[in-house]
Amino acid sequence: MDTPHNQATVEVDSPERMQELGRRLAKLLRPGDLVMLTGELGAGKTTLTRGLGEGLGVRGAVTSPTFVIARVHPSLVGGPALVHVDAYRLGGGLDEMEDLDLDVSLPDSVVVVEWGDGKVEELTDDRLHVLIHRVVGDTDDDRRTVVLNGIGGRWAGEELALV
């Protein structure tokens, strides 16, 4: 795994807070950004992406694209489209990902890839890798630790800790 240029950790205690984190993170995103989401099933990847979509002002409900693999949400506010990809069922790495033409979408969109580890890193040297970890506890199973890893020059100057 690449060494992050910029890292921050955020504690989240509910799905609503995860969505709010997505809305705040969206303020940093711009066309050409690749966001990789890593976390177990039910960790909150799609909830975070829903917040990203709200923050970017895109059309359509952001839901898990598991069965369509990729879904494009055009901007309603003149900003970048959100391309939401679920790479869970793609086993072939970059070859299968290239079939989705993400490299064509990337310069003009924000591309968010769930389950992209080992599959999309070669698309760009600059990416935001978001790792979502469940906090194991007796009373509250909605708690998550979210680690934001800004990789590449694009993320070197961003204030991820302020998100």
Protein backbone atom coordinates (compact mmCIF):
# COMPACT_ATOMS: atom_id res chain seq x y z
CA MET A 1 0.00 0.00 0.00
CA ASP A 2 1.18 3.52 -0.74
CA THR A 3 2.40 5.70 2.07
CA PRO A 4 -0.21 8.41 2.61
CA HIS A 5 0.92 11.99 2.10
CA ASN A 6 -1.81 13.27 4.34
CA GLN A 7 -3.82 11.40 6.95
CA ALA A 8 -6.63 12.15 9.39
CA THR A 9 -8.85 10.02 11.62
CA VAL A 10 -12.49 10.80 12.35
CA GLU A 11 -14.76 9.07 14.88
CA VAL A 12 -18.36 8.58 13.74
CA ASP A 13 -21.14 7.36 16.03
CA SER A 14 -24.19 6.98 13.76
CA PRO A 15 -25.23 6.58 10.11
CA GLU A 16 -26.36 10.22 10.16
CA ARG A 17 -22.87 11.32 11.23
CA MET A 18 -21.33 9.15 8.49
CA GLN A 19 -23.54 10.88 5.94
CA GLU A 20 -22.58 14.28 7.40
CA LEU A 21 -18.90 13.32 7.09
CA GLY A 22 -19.56 12.66 3.40
CA ARG A 23 -21.18 16.09 3.00
CA ARG A 24 -18.18 17.79 4.64
CA LEU A 25 -15.68 15.74 2.63
CA ALA A 26 -17.48 16.68 -0.61
CA LYS A 27 -16.38 20.29 -0.08
CA LEU A 28 -12.78 19.19 -0.71
CA LEU A 29 -13.53 17.17 -3.83
CA ARG A 30 -13.07 18.41 -7.38
CA PRO A 31 -13.25 16.95 -10.89
CA GLY A 32 -10.65 14.24 -11.40
CA ASP A 33 -10.65 13.01 -7.81
CA LEU A 34 -10.66 9.28 -7.13
CA VAL A 35 -12.01 8.18 -3.75
CA MET A 36 -11.47 4.56 -2.71
CA LEU A 37 -13.67 3.23 0.09
CA THR A 38 -12.55 0.23 2.13
CA GLY A 39 -14.54 -1.44 4.89
CA GLU A 40 -16.42 -4.60 5.62
CA LEU A 41 -20.03 -5.17 4.54
CA GLY A 42 -22.28 -2.77 6.42
CA ALA A 43 -19.41 -0.52 7.52
CA GLY A 44 -21.00 2.60 5.98
CA LYS A 45 -19.36 2.99 2.55
CA THR A 46 -22.62 3.67 0.73
CA THR A 47 -23.86 5.93 3.55
CA LEU A 48 -20.67 8.00 3.23
CA THR A 49 -21.14 8.11 -0.54
CA ARG A 50 -24.75 9.29 -0.09
CA GLY A 51 -23.36 12.22 1.90
CA LEU A 52 -20.78 12.89 -0.82
CA GLY A 53 -23.59 13.00 -3.38
CA GLU A 54 -25.58 15.44 -1.25
CA GLY A 55 -22.53 17.62 -0.74
CA LEU A 56 -21.74 17.62 -4.46
CA GLY A 57 -25.36 18.42 -5.34
CA VAL A 58 -25.91 15.49 -7.70
CA ARG A 59 -29.15 14.08 -9.09
CA GLY A 60 -30.58 10.76 -7.99
CA ALA A 61 -30.59 8.78 -4.81
CA VAL A 62 -27.19 7.33 -4.04
CA THR A 63 -27.69 3.64 -3.36
CA SER A 64 -25.39 0.67 -3.54
CA PRO A 65 -24.52 0.02 -7.20
CA THR A 66 -23.84 -3.68 -6.50
CA PHE A 67 -25.98 -5.00 -9.33
CA VAL A 68 -25.18 -2.36 -11.94
CA ILE A 69 -21.50 -2.06 -10.89
CA ALA A 70 -21.37 1.66 -11.74
CA ARG A 71 -23.92 4.47 -11.54
CA VAL A 72 -23.46 8.07 -12.72
CA HIS A 73 -25.13 10.90 -10.81
CA PRO A 74 -25.00 14.15 -12.85
CA SER A 75 -24.53 17.44 -11.04
CA LEU A 76 -27.55 19.68 -10.47
CA VAL A 77 -25.35 22.64 -9.52
CA GLY A 78 -22.79 22.83 -12.34
CA GLY A 79 -20.18 20.78 -10.46
CA PRO A 80 -18.66 17.40 -11.23
CA ALA A 81 -20.79 14.29 -11.68
CA LEU A 82 -20.46 11.54 -9.10
CA VAL A 83 -19.54 8.14 -10.55
CA HIS A 84 -20.28 5.51 -7.89
CA VAL A 85 -18.66 2.12 -8.52
CA ASP A 86 -18.98 -1.13 -6.60
CA ALA A 87 -15.99 -3.30 -7.53
CA TYR A 88 -16.91 -6.12 -5.14
CA ARG A 89 -17.81 -8.59 -7.90
CA LEU A 90 -14.96 -7.55 -10.18
CA GLY A 91 -12.11 -9.96 -9.66
CA GLY A 92 -9.91 -9.17 -12.63
CA GLY A 93 -8.34 -5.97 -11.43
CA LEU A 94 -7.63 -3.10 -13.79
CA ASP A 95 -8.65 -4.97 -16.98
CA GLU A 96 -12.23 -5.31 -15.77
CA MET A 97 -12.18 -1.79 -14.39
CA GLU A 98 -11.00 -0.48 -17.77
CA ASP A 99 -14.13 -2.01 -19.32
CA LEU A 100 -16.09 0.52 -17.27
CA ASP A 101 -14.20 3.42 -18.95
CA LEU A 102 -13.51 5.06 -15.61
CA ASP A 103 -10.42 6.73 -17.03
CA VAL A 104 -12.74 8.57 -19.44
CA SER A 105 -15.01 9.65 -16.56
CA LEU A 106 -12.23 10.53 -14.14
CA PRO A 107 -11.09 13.95 -15.48
CA ASP A 108 -14.60 15.44 -15.33
CA SER A 109 -16.09 13.56 -12.38
CA VAL A 110 -15.56 12.52 -8.81
CA VAL A 111 -15.19 8.74 -8.96
CA VAL A 112 -15.99 6.83 -5.76
CA VAL A 113 -15.06 3.13 -5.78
CA GLU A 114 -16.21 0.72 -3.09
CA TRP A 115 -14.08 -2.44 -2.79
CA GLY A 116 -11.44 -0.96 -5.12
CA ASP A 117 -8.33 -2.17 -3.29
CA GLY A 118 -5.92 -3.73 -5.75
CA LYS A 119 -8.16 -2.78 -8.67
CA VAL A 120 -8.11 0.98 -9.27
CA GLU A 121 -4.85 2.33 -7.87
CA GLU A 122 -3.32 2.45 -11.34
CA LEU A 123 -5.97 4.89 -12.60
CA THR A 124 -4.17 7.82 -10.96
CA ASP A 125 -1.28 8.59 -8.63
CA ASP A 126 -3.54 10.88 -6.59
CA ARG A 127 -6.41 9.42 -4.61
CA LEU A 128 -8.22 9.63 -1.33
CA HIS A 129 -8.33 6.23 0.35
CA VAL A 130 -11.02 6.08 3.04
CA LEU A 131 -10.84 3.15 5.47
CA ILE A 132 -13.89 2.54 7.64
CA HIS A 133 -13.44 0.36 10.72
CA ARG A 134 -16.20 -0.79 13.03
CA VAL A 135 -15.57 0.04 16.67
CA VAL A 136 -16.30 -3.09 18.67
CA GLY A 137 -18.23 -2.30 21.84
CA ASP A 138 -20.97 -3.64 24.05
CA THR A 139 -23.51 -0.84 23.76
CA ASP A 140 -23.24 0.97 20.44
CA ASP A 141 -22.54 -0.89 17.22
CA ASP A 142 -22.90 2.20 14.98
CA ARG A 143 -19.53 3.60 16.00
CA ARG A 144 -16.87 3.76 13.28
CA THR A 145 -13.31 4.97 13.00
CA VAL A 146 -12.77 6.53 9.58
CA VAL A 147 -9.19 6.98 8.38
CA LEU A 148 -8.70 9.41 5.50
CA ASN A 149 -5.48 8.77 3.55
CA GLY A 150 -4.67 11.42 0.97
CA ILE A 151 -2.21 9.88 -1.47
CA GLY A 152 -0.27 11.90 -4.04
CA GLY A 153 0.47 15.56 -4.58
CA ARG A 154 -3.21 16.45 -5.03
CA TRP A 155 -3.86 15.71 -1.35
CA ALA A 156 -0.62 16.97 0.18
CA GLY A 157 -2.01 20.44 0.99
CA GLU A 158 -5.59 19.53 1.95
CA GLU A 159 -6.62 19.96 5.56
CA LEU A 160 -8.13 16.51 6.04
CA ALA A 161 -8.03 16.91 9.81
CA LEU A 162 -10.58 19.75 9.52
CA VAL A 163 -13.16 17.49 7.89
